[in-house]
Protein backbone atom coordinates (compact mmCIF):
# COMPACT_ATOMS: atom_id res chain seq x y z
CA UNK A 1 -18.46 -28.58 18.82
CA UNK A 2 -21.58 -30.28 16.90
CA UNK A 3 -22.79 -26.96 15.71
CA UNK A 4 -19.46 -26.21 14.38
CA UNK A 5 -19.01 -29.58 12.64
CA UNK A 6 -22.43 -29.21 11.07
CA UNK A 7 -21.75 -25.57 9.87
CA UNK A 8 -18.58 -26.90 8.19
CA UNK A 9 -20.35 -29.81 6.55
CA UNK A 10 -23.30 -27.56 5.32
CA UNK A 11 -20.95 -24.97 3.90
CA UNK A 12 -19.70 -27.50 1.39
CA UNK A 13 -23.33 -27.43 0.15
CA UNK A 14 -23.22 -23.83 -0.63
CA UNK A 15 -22.53 -22.79 -4.06
CA UNK A 16 -19.40 -20.92 -4.99
CA UNK A 17 -19.48 -17.10 -4.46
CA UNK A 18 -18.35 -14.51 -7.33
CA UNK A 19 -17.47 -11.05 -6.70
CA UNK A 20 -18.14 -8.17 -9.10
CA UNK A 21 -17.32 -4.62 -8.84
CA UNK A 22 -20.76 -3.36 -7.63
CA UNK A 23 -21.61 -1.39 -4.60
CA UNK A 24 -21.58 -4.43 -2.16
CA UNK A 25 -18.00 -5.68 -3.33
CA UNK A 26 -16.32 -2.43 -2.83
CA UNK A 27 -18.24 -1.68 0.38
CA UNK A 28 -16.75 -5.11 1.69
CA UNK A 29 -13.41 -3.89 0.88
CA UNK A 30 -13.85 -0.74 2.49
CA UNK A 31 -15.40 -2.47 5.80
CA UNK A 32 -12.27 -4.83 5.73
CA UNK A 33 -9.82 -2.03 5.54
CA UNK A 34 -11.64 -0.09 8.23
CA UNK A 35 -11.51 -3.15 10.36
CA UNK A 36 -7.71 -3.97 9.78
CA UNK A 37 -6.84 -0.19 10.42
CA UNK A 38 -8.92 -0.17 13.58
CA UNK A 39 -7.11 -3.26 14.99
CA UNK A 40 -3.81 -2.02 14.10
CA UNK A 41 -4.62 1.27 15.54
CA UNK A 42 -5.69 -0.25 18.87
CA UNK A 43 -2.68 -2.47 18.91
CA UNK A 44 -0.17 0.42 18.39
CA UNK A 45 -1.82 2.17 21.20
CA UNK A 46 -1.66 -0.82 23.46
CA UNK A 47 1.76 -1.92 22.52
CA UNK A 48 3.78 0.87 21.03
CA UNK A 49 2.56 3.94 22.47
CA UNK A 50 5.25 6.07 21.29
CA UNK A 51 4.28 5.71 17.59
CA UNK A 52 1.27 7.98 15.96
CA UNK A 53 -1.45 5.24 16.24
CA UNK A 54 -3.36 6.68 13.29
CA UNK A 55 -0.71 6.52 10.88
CA UNK A 56 0.38 3.09 11.95
CA UNK A 57 -3.00 1.83 11.60
CA UNK A 58 -3.76 3.42 8.12
CA UNK A 59 -0.46 2.65 6.69
CA UNK A 60 -0.27 -0.99 7.78
CA UNK A 61 -3.82 -1.69 6.61
CA UNK A 62 -3.37 0.25 3.17
CA UNK A 63 -0.19 -1.44 2.54
CA UNK A 64 -1.81 -4.98 3.21
CA UNK A 65 -4.62 -4.03 0.86
CA UNK A 66 -2.56 -2.84 -1.91
CA UNK A 67 -0.25 -5.76 -1.82
CA UNK A 68 -3.14 -8.13 -1.89
CA UNK A 69 -4.60 -6.53 -4.87
CA UNK A 70 -1.35 -6.34 -6.47
CA UNK A 71 -0.73 -10.29 -5.72
CA UNK A 72 -4.23 -10.76 -7.35
CA UNK A 73 -3.46 -8.85 -10.44
CA UNK A 74 -0.02 -10.58 -10.81
CA UNK A 75 -1.98 -13.92 -10.62
CA UNK A 76 -4.23 -12.69 -13.29
CA UNK A 77 -7.27 -13.09 -11.08
CA UNK A 78 -8.11 -9.39 -11.26
CA UNK A 79 -7.60 -6.95 -14.24
CA UNK A 80 -5.73 -3.36 -13.53
CA UNK A 81 -8.86 -1.75 -13.22
CA UNK A 82 -10.58 -4.22 -10.70
CA UNK A 83 -7.39 -4.38 -8.57
CA UNK A 84 -7.09 -0.47 -8.35
CA UNK A 85 -10.92 -0.16 -7.64
CA UNK A 86 -10.53 -2.79 -4.74
CA UNK A 87 -7.39 -1.30 -3.48
CA UNK A 88 -8.81 2.46 -3.45
CA UNK A 89 -11.79 1.09 -1.65
CA UNK A 90 -9.66 -0.69 1.07
CA UNK A 91 -7.54 2.52 1.46
CA UNK A 92 -10.65 4.70 1.83
CA UNK A 93 -11.84 2.27 4.58
CA UNK A 94 -8.59 2.22 6.09
CA UNK A 95 -8.61 6.20 6.53
CA UNK A 96 -11.93 6.01 8.09
CA UNK A 97 -11.26 2.97 10.37
CA UNK A 98 -7.98 4.57 11.79
CA UNK A 99 -9.65 8.00 11.95
CA UNK A 100 -12.62 6.60 13.94
CA UNK A 101 -10.46 4.36 16.27
CA UNK A 102 -8.07 6.95 16.94
CA UNK A 103 -10.28 9.89 17.55
CA UNK A 104 -13.51 8.04 19.15
CA UNK A 105 -12.99 4.77 20.39
CA UNK A 106 -9.58 5.12 22.04
CA UNK A 107 -9.25 7.34 25.04
CA UNK A 108 -7.40 10.57 23.69
CA UNK A 109 -3.97 11.16 25.27
CA UNK A 110 -2.02 14.36 26.33
CA UNK A 111 0.53 15.05 23.92
CA UNK A 112 3.18 17.79 24.25
CA UNK A 113 3.17 20.12 21.18
CA UNK A 114 5.04 23.34 20.02
CA UNK A 115 2.57 25.61 21.23
CA UNK A 116 1.68 23.91 24.57
CA UNK A 117 -0.18 20.44 25.21
CA UNK A 118 -2.80 18.52 23.55
CA UNK A 119 -5.41 17.38 26.00
CA UNK A 120 -8.11 15.10 24.90
CA UNK A 121 -11.73 14.53 26.36
CA UNK A 122 -12.94 11.36 27.97
CA UNK A 123 -16.83 10.99 28.01
CA UNK A 124 -18.72 8.52 29.90
CA UNK A 125 -22.20 7.52 30.00
CA UNK A 126 -23.75 5.55 32.96
CA UNK A 127 -26.94 3.45 32.22
């Protein structure tokens, strides 16, 4: 508790942070999109297994990123060019995060398809 209180008090001494349209800013938007998409993909797999988890993760994260950037543009804190660049980076990150979570982090599932069944592979390593 003391550490948290001291962290909060010391954060007031920090200078304000400004964002730009550089590589680090757009990378942070992409990472944020990937994290949100991965979390929604996991939640879809856990709570709504009948839904396509990739599209849910990608769609929800992308919609969230685009709506946030529209809100910033509407409040005149971003220009249209900056908002589109930030939203684009978020959508790219969302696609990467949803794909990686769906394909590699979550255990693949058996899905019935028209030509047969899709069977995923579960790989484990013991240390």
